[in-house]
């Protein structure tokens, strides 16, 4: 498995993830297909500005166009303090095989080496057992539950944090 930078050719992978009702069940439902290209442009801009590490998860390095999902780290303010937030999406056919855990570890290692990405926060839904379990297994500390705005809605999330400098 490898992580590669997102590129302009990833629109179909973005569509598969963001327009799928199962993939987006915990995130307010599927997005309209016409919004996918804009999300990809936004993500490419984050990377170009150095405000994000947005990676495509490639299960077979011999086929870099075939992706299992994404893992992202982006900078923004959390409770008024500069921080980084990590998130991941793994397509259903790749779930249950440890893909997300390996990808998140790989991206955290890259962020550690690059510097400037700590602390890292994660906000999985309180009912998302797999993502909360992943945060726990990777050494994130739980700060509690909170209401988190996303896509114009409020979601009940568990707030996790990891100090990459520790």
N, C-alpha and C. Protein backbone atom coordinates (compact mmCIF):
# COMPACT_ATOMS: atom_id res chain seq x y z
N UNK A 1 0.84 -1.18 0.00
CA UNK A 1 0.00 0.00 0.00
C UNK A 1 0.88 1.23 0.00
N UNK A 2 0.40 2.30 -0.66
CA UNK A 2 1.09 3.57 -0.63
C UNK A 2 0.08 4.70 -0.60
N UNK A 3 0.56 5.87 -0.21
CA UNK A 3 -0.24 7.09 -0.28
C UNK A 3 0.36 7.95 -1.37
N UNK A 4 -0.50 8.50 -2.21
CA UNK A 4 -0.03 9.44 -3.23
C UNK A 4 -0.83 10.72 -3.11
N UNK A 5 -0.22 11.81 -3.56
CA UNK A 5 -0.92 13.09 -3.51
C UNK A 5 -2.17 13.05 -4.38
N UNK A 6 -3.20 13.71 -3.92
CA UNK A 6 -4.41 13.87 -4.72
C UNK A 6 -4.02 14.64 -5.98
N UNK A 7 -4.69 14.32 -7.09
CA UNK A 7 -4.44 15.07 -8.32
C UNK A 7 -5.76 15.31 -9.05
N UNK A 8 -5.70 16.13 -10.08
CA UNK A 8 -6.91 16.54 -10.80
C UNK A 8 -7.65 15.36 -11.43
N UNK A 9 -6.98 14.25 -11.63
CA UNK A 9 -7.61 13.08 -12.21
C UNK A 9 -8.42 12.25 -11.23
N UNK A 10 -8.51 12.67 -9.97
CA UNK A 10 -9.18 11.87 -8.94
C UNK A 10 -10.67 12.17 -8.78
N UNK A 11 -11.26 12.86 -9.75
CA UNK A 11 -12.66 13.24 -9.63
C UNK A 11 -13.58 12.01 -9.51
N UNK A 12 -13.30 10.94 -10.24
CA UNK A 12 -14.15 9.75 -10.16
C UNK A 12 -14.07 9.10 -8.78
N UNK A 13 -12.88 9.02 -8.21
CA UNK A 13 -12.73 8.46 -6.86
C UNK A 13 -13.48 9.34 -5.86
N UNK A 14 -13.38 10.66 -6.00
CA UNK A 14 -14.11 11.56 -5.11
C UNK A 14 -15.61 11.33 -5.26
N UNK A 15 -16.07 11.17 -6.50
CA UNK A 15 -17.49 10.94 -6.72
C UNK A 15 -17.94 9.64 -6.06
N UNK A 16 -17.14 8.58 -6.21
CA UNK A 16 -17.50 7.29 -5.61
C UNK A 16 -17.64 7.41 -4.10
N UNK A 17 -16.77 8.18 -3.48
CA UNK A 17 -16.81 8.30 -2.02
C UNK A 17 -17.92 9.25 -1.56
N UNK A 18 -18.00 10.41 -2.14
CA UNK A 18 -18.87 11.45 -1.62
C UNK A 18 -20.32 11.36 -2.08
N UNK A 19 -20.58 10.62 -3.13
CA UNK A 19 -21.96 10.49 -3.64
C UNK A 19 -22.60 9.17 -3.22
N UNK A 20 -21.89 8.38 -2.47
CA UNK A 20 -22.39 7.07 -2.04
C UNK A 20 -23.13 7.21 -0.71
N UNK A 21 -24.40 6.80 -0.65
CA UNK A 21 -25.17 6.94 0.59
C UNK A 21 -24.56 6.18 1.76
N UNK A 22 -23.96 5.02 1.52
CA UNK A 22 -23.35 4.24 2.60
C UNK A 22 -22.11 4.96 3.12
N UNK A 23 -21.26 5.43 2.20
CA UNK A 23 -20.03 6.13 2.61
C UNK A 23 -20.35 7.40 3.40
N UNK A 24 -21.41 8.07 3.03
CA UNK A 24 -21.71 9.38 3.61
C UNK A 24 -22.81 9.32 4.69
N UNK A 25 -23.18 8.12 5.11
CA UNK A 25 -24.27 7.98 6.07
C UNK A 25 -24.01 8.75 7.36
N UNK A 26 -22.78 8.74 7.86
CA UNK A 26 -22.44 9.44 9.11
C UNK A 26 -22.07 10.90 8.88
N UNK A 27 -22.11 11.35 7.62
CA UNK A 27 -21.68 12.71 7.29
C UNK A 27 -22.79 13.52 6.62
N UNK A 28 -24.03 13.16 6.90
CA UNK A 28 -25.15 13.94 6.40
C UNK A 28 -25.69 13.50 5.07
N UNK A 29 -25.24 12.36 4.58
CA UNK A 29 -25.76 11.84 3.32
C UNK A 29 -24.90 12.23 2.13
N UNK A 30 -25.20 11.64 0.99
CA UNK A 30 -24.38 11.88 -0.20
C UNK A 30 -24.46 13.33 -0.66
N UNK A 31 -23.38 13.80 -1.27
CA UNK A 31 -23.36 15.15 -1.84
C UNK A 31 -23.83 15.07 -3.28
N UNK A 32 -24.34 16.16 -3.83
CA UNK A 32 -24.72 16.16 -5.25
C UNK A 32 -23.49 15.93 -6.13
N UNK A 33 -23.65 15.14 -7.16
CA UNK A 33 -22.53 14.82 -8.06
C UNK A 33 -21.89 16.08 -8.63
N UNK A 34 -22.68 17.11 -8.87
CA UNK A 34 -22.12 18.33 -9.47
C UNK A 34 -21.20 19.10 -8.51
N UNK A 35 -21.19 18.76 -7.23
CA UNK A 35 -20.32 19.46 -6.27
C UNK A 35 -18.95 18.81 -6.13
N UNK A 36 -18.78 17.62 -6.68
CA UNK A 36 -17.55 16.85 -6.46
C UNK A 36 -16.33 17.54 -7.07
N UNK A 37 -16.44 18.04 -8.28
CA UNK A 37 -15.30 18.70 -8.93
C UNK A 37 -14.85 19.91 -8.12
N UNK A 38 -15.80 20.64 -7.54
CA UNK A 38 -15.46 21.78 -6.70
C UNK A 38 -14.72 21.37 -5.44
N UNK A 39 -15.13 20.26 -4.83
CA UNK A 39 -14.44 19.76 -3.64
C UNK A 39 -13.01 19.36 -3.99
N UNK A 40 -12.84 18.72 -5.13
CA UNK A 40 -11.50 18.33 -5.56
C UNK A 40 -10.64 19.57 -5.80
N UNK A 41 -11.18 20.59 -6.46
CA UNK A 41 -10.42 21.84 -6.67
C UNK A 41 -10.03 22.46 -5.34
N UNK A 42 -10.97 22.47 -4.38
CA UNK A 42 -10.68 23.00 -3.04
C UNK A 42 -9.52 22.25 -2.40
N UNK A 43 -9.56 20.93 -2.47
CA UNK A 43 -8.51 20.12 -1.86
C UNK A 43 -7.16 20.34 -2.55
N UNK A 44 -7.17 20.44 -3.87
CA UNK A 44 -5.93 20.71 -4.60
C UNK A 44 -5.36 22.07 -4.20
N UNK A 45 -6.23 23.06 -3.98
CA UNK A 45 -5.79 24.37 -3.53
C UNK A 45 -5.18 24.31 -2.13
N UNK A 46 -5.80 23.54 -1.21
CA UNK A 46 -5.22 23.37 0.13
C UNK A 46 -3.80 22.83 0.06
N UNK A 47 -3.61 21.82 -0.78
CA UNK A 47 -2.29 21.22 -0.93
C UNK A 47 -1.32 22.24 -1.51
N UNK A 48 -1.73 22.95 -2.55
CA UNK A 48 -0.86 23.93 -3.21
C UNK A 48 -0.42 25.03 -2.24
N UNK A 49 -1.31 25.41 -1.30
CA UNK A 49 -0.99 26.46 -0.33
C UNK A 49 -0.24 25.94 0.88
N UNK A 50 -0.02 24.63 0.95
CA UNK A 50 0.66 24.06 2.11
C UNK A 50 -0.23 23.94 3.32
N UNK A 51 -1.54 24.05 3.13
CA UNK A 51 -2.48 23.99 4.24
C UNK A 51 -3.11 22.61 4.39
N UNK A 52 -2.69 21.66 3.56
CA UNK A 52 -3.25 20.33 3.65
C UNK A 52 -2.33 19.27 3.07
N UNK A 53 -2.40 18.10 3.68
CA UNK A 53 -1.80 16.90 3.12
C UNK A 53 -2.98 16.01 2.77
N UNK A 54 -3.27 15.89 1.50
CA UNK A 54 -4.44 15.14 1.05
C UNK A 54 -3.95 14.02 0.16
N UNK A 55 -4.16 12.80 0.64
CA UNK A 55 -3.58 11.62 0.01
C UNK A 55 -4.65 10.64 -0.43
N UNK A 56 -4.37 10.02 -1.55
CA UNK A 56 -5.19 8.92 -2.04
C UNK A 56 -4.54 7.63 -1.54
N UNK A 57 -5.35 6.72 -1.04
CA UNK A 57 -4.87 5.43 -0.53
C UNK A 57 -4.85 4.46 -1.71
N UNK A 58 -3.65 3.99 -2.04
CA UNK A 58 -3.46 3.10 -3.19
C UNK A 58 -3.10 1.71 -2.66
N UNK A 59 -4.02 0.74 -2.79
CA UNK A 59 -3.73 -0.60 -2.25
C UNK A 59 -2.61 -1.32 -2.99
N UNK A 60 -2.51 -1.11 -4.31
CA UNK A 60 -1.51 -1.79 -5.13
C UNK A 60 -0.63 -0.75 -5.81
N UNK A 61 0.62 -0.59 -5.35
CA UNK A 61 1.50 0.42 -5.94
C UNK A 61 1.68 0.27 -7.46
N UNK A 62 1.45 -0.91 -7.99
CA UNK A 62 1.57 -1.12 -9.44
C UNK A 62 0.42 -0.47 -10.21
N UNK A 63 -0.65 -0.09 -9.50
CA UNK A 63 -1.81 0.53 -10.14
C UNK A 63 -2.22 1.78 -9.36
N UNK A 64 -1.46 2.89 -9.50
CA UNK A 64 -1.72 4.09 -8.69
C UNK A 64 -3.04 4.78 -8.99
N UNK A 65 -3.71 4.42 -10.08
CA UNK A 65 -5.00 5.03 -10.38
C UNK A 65 -6.13 4.39 -9.58
N UNK A 66 -5.95 3.15 -9.14
CA UNK A 66 -6.99 2.45 -8.36
C UNK A 66 -6.82 2.81 -6.89
N UNK A 67 -7.82 3.45 -6.32
CA UNK A 67 -7.71 3.91 -4.94
C UNK A 67 -8.72 3.23 -4.03
N UNK A 68 -8.35 3.14 -2.75
CA UNK A 68 -9.22 2.56 -1.72
C UNK A 68 -9.91 3.63 -0.91
N UNK A 69 -9.45 4.88 -1.04
CA UNK A 69 -10.04 5.96 -0.28
C UNK A 69 -9.07 7.12 -0.15
N UNK A 70 -9.32 7.95 0.87
CA UNK A 70 -8.47 9.12 1.11
C UNK A 70 -8.13 9.21 2.60
N UNK A 71 -7.04 9.88 2.86
CA UNK A 71 -6.69 10.29 4.22
C UNK A 71 -6.19 11.73 4.10
N UNK A 72 -6.73 12.61 4.94
CA UNK A 72 -6.43 14.03 4.80
C UNK A 72 -6.03 14.64 6.14
N UNK A 73 -5.17 15.62 6.04
CA UNK A 73 -4.77 16.42 7.20
C UNK A 73 -4.79 17.86 6.72
N UNK A 74 -5.54 18.70 7.40
CA UNK A 74 -5.59 20.10 6.98
C UNK A 74 -5.56 21.02 8.20
N UNK A 75 -4.99 22.20 7.97
CA UNK A 75 -4.85 23.19 9.03
C UNK A 75 -6.08 24.09 9.07
N UNK A 76 -6.52 24.38 10.27
CA UNK A 76 -7.55 25.39 10.51
C UNK A 76 -7.62 25.64 12.01
N UNK A 77 -8.40 26.60 12.41
CA UNK A 77 -8.53 26.90 13.83
C UNK A 77 -9.57 25.98 14.46
N UNK A 78 -9.24 25.45 15.61
CA UNK A 78 -10.18 24.65 16.39
C UNK A 78 -10.30 25.35 17.73
N UNK A 79 -11.51 25.79 18.03
CA UNK A 79 -11.76 26.58 19.25
C UNK A 79 -10.84 27.79 19.33
N UNK A 80 -10.58 28.41 18.17
CA UNK A 80 -9.78 29.63 18.12
C UNK A 80 -8.27 29.42 18.15
N UNK A 81 -7.82 28.18 18.16
CA UNK A 81 -6.39 27.88 18.23
C UNK A 81 -5.95 27.17 16.96
N UNK A 82 -4.83 27.59 16.36
CA UNK A 82 -4.35 26.89 15.17
C UNK A 82 -4.09 25.41 15.47
N UNK A 83 -4.56 24.56 14.59
CA UNK A 83 -4.42 23.12 14.79
C UNK A 83 -4.54 22.43 13.44
N UNK A 84 -4.45 21.12 13.48
CA UNK A 84 -4.64 20.30 12.29
C UNK A 84 -5.71 19.27 12.58
N UNK A 85 -6.49 18.95 11.55
CA UNK A 85 -7.54 17.94 11.68
C UNK A 85 -7.31 16.84 10.67
N UNK A 86 -7.43 15.61 11.11
CA UNK A 86 -7.26 14.46 10.24
C UNK A 86 -8.61 13.78 10.01
N UNK A 87 -8.77 13.23 8.82
CA UNK A 87 -9.97 12.48 8.49
C UNK A 87 -9.64 11.46 7.43
N UNK A 88 -10.50 10.46 7.29
CA UNK A 88 -10.26 9.40 6.32
C UNK A 88 -11.58 8.86 5.82
N UNK A 89 -11.54 8.34 4.60
CA UNK A 89 -12.69 7.67 3.99
C UNK A 89 -12.14 6.46 3.25
N UNK A 90 -12.73 5.30 3.48
CA UNK A 90 -12.31 4.08 2.80
C UNK A 90 -13.54 3.48 2.12
N UNK A 91 -13.40 3.19 0.84
CA UNK A 91 -14.50 2.62 0.07
C UNK A 91 -14.95 1.29 0.67
N UNK A 92 -16.24 0.98 0.60
CA UNK A 92 -16.77 -0.22 1.26
C UNK A 92 -16.03 -1.51 0.93
N UNK A 93 -15.61 -1.69 -0.30
CA UNK A 93 -14.93 -2.94 -0.66
C UNK A 93 -13.54 -3.08 -0.05
N UNK A 94 -13.04 -2.00 0.55
CA UNK A 94 -11.72 -2.04 1.20
C UNK A 94 -11.82 -1.95 2.72
N UNK A 95 -13.03 -1.82 3.25
CA UNK A 95 -13.20 -1.71 4.69
C UNK A 95 -13.03 -3.07 5.37
N UNK A 96 -12.57 -3.02 6.62
CA UNK A 96 -12.40 -4.24 7.41
C UNK A 96 -11.08 -4.94 7.20
N UNK A 97 -10.18 -4.33 6.46
CA UNK A 97 -8.89 -4.94 6.16
C UNK A 97 -7.71 -4.15 6.75
N UNK A 98 -7.99 -3.18 7.59
CA UNK A 98 -6.93 -2.39 8.21
C UNK A 98 -6.37 -1.28 7.34
N UNK A 99 -7.03 -1.01 6.22
CA UNK A 99 -6.56 0.01 5.28
C UNK A 99 -6.51 1.38 5.95
N UNK A 100 -7.58 1.76 6.63
CA UNK A 100 -7.62 3.09 7.26
C UNK A 100 -6.51 3.23 8.29
N UNK A 101 -6.32 2.22 9.13
CA UNK A 101 -5.27 2.29 10.15
C UNK A 101 -3.89 2.47 9.55
N UNK A 102 -3.58 1.70 8.52
CA UNK A 102 -2.26 1.83 7.87
C UNK A 102 -2.11 3.21 7.24
N UNK A 103 -3.16 3.67 6.57
CA UNK A 103 -3.09 4.97 5.89
C UNK A 103 -2.92 6.11 6.90
N UNK A 104 -3.67 6.08 7.98
CA UNK A 104 -3.57 7.14 8.99
C UNK A 104 -2.17 7.12 9.61
N UNK A 105 -1.65 5.95 9.93
CA UNK A 105 -0.28 5.86 10.48
C UNK A 105 0.73 6.45 9.51
N UNK A 106 0.60 6.12 8.24
CA UNK A 106 1.53 6.62 7.23
C UNK A 106 1.46 8.14 7.14
N UNK A 107 0.26 8.71 7.15
CA UNK A 107 0.13 10.16 7.05
C UNK A 107 0.63 10.84 8.32
N UNK A 108 0.36 10.27 9.47
CA UNK A 108 0.89 10.85 10.72
C UNK A 108 2.41 10.81 10.73
N UNK A 109 3.02 9.75 10.22
CA UNK A 109 4.48 9.68 10.12
C UNK A 109 5.01 10.78 9.20
N UNK A 110 4.34 10.98 8.07
CA UNK A 110 4.75 12.05 7.15
C UNK A 110 4.64 13.42 7.81
N UNK A 111 3.54 13.63 8.53
CA UNK A 111 3.33 14.91 9.21
C UNK A 111 4.37 15.13 10.31
N UNK A 112 4.73 14.07 11.03
CA UNK A 112 5.78 14.17 12.07
C UNK A 112 7.10 14.61 11.45
N UNK A 113 7.45 13.96 10.35
CA UNK A 113 8.71 14.27 9.68
C UNK A 113 8.71 15.69 9.11
N UNK A 114 7.58 16.13 8.58
CA UNK A 114 7.50 17.46 7.99
C UNK A 114 7.52 18.55 9.06
N UNK A 115 6.95 18.26 10.22
CA UNK A 115 6.84 19.24 11.29
C UNK A 115 5.72 20.24 11.02
N UNK A 116 5.29 20.90 12.07
CA UNK A 116 4.29 21.95 11.94
C UNK A 116 2.84 21.49 11.90
N UNK A 117 2.60 20.20 12.16
CA UNK A 117 1.24 19.69 12.06
C UNK A 117 0.65 19.30 13.42
N UNK A 118 1.29 19.60 14.51
CA UNK A 118 0.81 19.17 15.81
C UNK A 118 0.17 20.34 16.54
N UNK A 119 -0.87 20.10 17.30
CA UNK A 119 -1.54 18.84 17.57
C UNK A 119 -2.49 18.46 16.43
N UNK A 120 -2.80 17.17 16.35
CA UNK A 120 -3.71 16.66 15.34
C UNK A 120 -5.02 16.27 16.04
N UNK A 121 -6.12 16.77 15.53
CA UNK A 121 -7.44 16.50 16.08
C UNK A 121 -8.23 15.60 15.12
N UNK A 122 -9.14 14.81 15.66
CA UNK A 122 -10.06 14.01 14.87
C UNK A 122 -11.44 14.11 15.51
N UNK A 123 -12.47 14.07 14.68
CA UNK A 123 -13.85 14.25 15.15
C UNK A 123 -14.80 13.21 14.55
N UNK A 124 -14.59 11.93 14.81
CA UNK A 124 -15.56 10.94 14.30
C UNK A 124 -16.89 11.04 15.06
N UNK A 125 -17.96 10.67 14.38
CA UNK A 125 -19.27 10.64 15.03
C UNK A 125 -19.24 9.72 16.23
N UNK A 126 -19.99 10.05 17.25
CA UNK A 126 -19.97 9.24 18.48
C UNK A 126 -20.39 7.79 18.22
N UNK A 127 -21.18 7.56 17.19
CA UNK A 127 -21.64 6.20 16.88
C UNK A 127 -20.75 5.48 15.87
N UNK A 128 -19.69 6.12 15.42
CA UNK A 128 -18.78 5.51 14.45
C UNK A 128 -17.73 4.70 15.20
N UNK A 129 -18.07 3.47 15.55
CA UNK A 129 -17.20 2.63 16.38
C UNK A 129 -15.85 2.37 15.72
N UNK A 130 -15.85 2.16 14.41
CA UNK A 130 -14.58 1.85 13.72
C UNK A 130 -13.62 3.03 13.80
N UNK A 131 -14.08 4.23 13.51
CA UNK A 131 -13.19 5.39 13.54
C UNK A 131 -12.77 5.76 14.96
N UNK A 132 -13.68 5.65 15.91
CA UNK A 132 -13.30 5.91 17.30
C UNK A 132 -12.29 4.88 17.79
N UNK A 133 -12.47 3.62 17.41
CA UNK A 133 -11.51 2.58 17.76
C UNK A 133 -10.16 2.83 17.16
N UNK A 134 -10.14 3.32 15.92
CA UNK A 134 -8.88 3.63 15.26
C UNK A 134 -8.15 4.75 16.00
N UNK A 135 -8.87 5.80 16.38
CA UNK A 135 -8.24 6.89 17.14
C UNK A 135 -7.61 6.35 18.42
N UNK A 136 -8.35 5.52 19.13
CA UNK A 136 -7.85 4.95 20.38
C UNK A 136 -6.59 4.12 20.14
N UNK A 137 -6.64 3.27 19.11
CA UNK A 137 -5.50 2.37 18.84
C UNK A 137 -4.26 3.12 18.40
N UNK A 138 -4.42 4.32 17.86
CA UNK A 138 -3.28 5.10 17.39
C UNK A 138 -2.72 6.04 18.47
N UNK A 139 -3.30 5.99 19.65
CA UNK A 139 -2.77 6.79 20.75
C UNK A 139 -3.37 8.17 20.90
N UNK A 140 -4.44 8.45 20.17
CA UNK A 140 -5.13 9.72 20.37
C UNK A 140 -5.76 9.71 21.76
N UNK A 141 -5.83 10.86 22.39
CA UNK A 141 -6.50 11.01 23.68
C UNK A 141 -7.88 11.60 23.43
N UNK A 142 -8.89 11.05 24.09
CA UNK A 142 -10.24 11.57 23.92
C UNK A 142 -10.43 12.77 24.84
N UNK A 143 -10.93 13.87 24.27
CA UNK A 143 -11.18 15.08 25.04
C UNK A 143 -12.64 15.19 25.45
N UNK A 144 -13.49 14.36 24.87
CA UNK A 144 -14.91 14.40 25.20
C UNK A 144 -15.76 14.41 23.96
N UNK A 145 -17.03 14.70 24.14
CA UNK A 145 -17.96 14.80 23.03
C UNK A 145 -18.30 16.27 22.80
N UNK A 146 -18.69 16.57 21.56
CA UNK A 146 -19.05 17.94 21.22
C UNK A 146 -19.95 17.96 20.01
N UNK A 147 -20.62 19.07 19.82
CA UNK A 147 -21.39 19.30 18.61
C UNK A 147 -20.46 19.94 17.59
N UNK A 148 -20.36 19.34 16.41
CA UNK A 148 -19.42 19.79 15.39
C UNK A 148 -20.19 20.15 14.13
N UNK A 149 -20.04 21.40 13.64
CA UNK A 149 -20.71 21.78 12.39
C UNK A 149 -19.98 21.16 11.19
N UNK A 150 -20.74 20.66 10.24
CA UNK A 150 -20.18 20.11 9.01
C UNK A 150 -21.27 20.12 7.95
N UNK A 151 -20.96 20.72 6.80
CA UNK A 151 -21.89 20.79 5.67
C UNK A 151 -23.25 21.35 6.08
N UNK A 152 -23.23 22.39 6.90
CA UNK A 152 -24.46 23.07 7.26
C UNK A 152 -25.30 22.36 8.30
N UNK A 153 -24.75 21.31 8.91
CA UNK A 153 -25.47 20.57 9.95
C UNK A 153 -24.60 20.46 11.18
N UNK A 154 -25.19 20.06 12.28
CA UNK A 154 -24.45 19.84 13.53
C UNK A 154 -24.45 18.34 13.78
N UNK A 155 -23.26 17.79 14.04
CA UNK A 155 -23.10 16.37 14.33
C UNK A 155 -22.53 16.20 15.72
N UNK A 156 -22.98 15.18 16.42
CA UNK A 156 -22.41 14.85 17.72
C UNK A 156 -21.17 13.99 17.45
N UNK A 157 -20.02 14.51 17.87
CA UNK A 157 -18.75 13.83 17.60
C UNK A 157 -17.97 13.59 18.88
N UNK A 158 -17.04 12.70 18.78
CA UNK A 158 -16.06 12.50 19.85
C UNK A 158 -14.82 13.24 19.41
N UNK A 159 -14.26 14.05 20.32
CA UNK A 159 -13.09 14.88 20.02
C UNK A 159 -11.84 14.18 20.53
N UNK A 160 -10.96 13.84 19.59
CA UNK A 160 -9.69 13.18 19.90
C UNK A 160 -8.54 14.09 19.53
N UNK A 161 -7.41 13.97 20.23
CA UNK A 161 -6.23 14.77 19.91
C UNK A 161 -4.98 13.92 20.09
N UNK A 162 -3.99 14.19 19.23
CA UNK A 162 -2.71 13.49 19.28
C UNK A 162 -1.60 14.53 19.15
N UNK A 163 -0.66 14.52 20.09
CA UNK A 163 0.50 15.39 20.04
C UNK A 163 1.60 14.65 19.28
N UNK A 164 1.91 15.12 18.08
CA UNK A 164 2.95 14.47 17.27
C UNK A 164 4.36 14.72 17.82
N UNK A 165 4.48 15.65 18.75
CA UNK A 165 5.80 15.97 19.30
C UNK A 165 6.13 15.16 20.53
N UNK A 166 5.14 14.44 21.05
CA UNK A 166 5.36 13.67 22.30
C UNK A 166 6.11 12.38 22.01
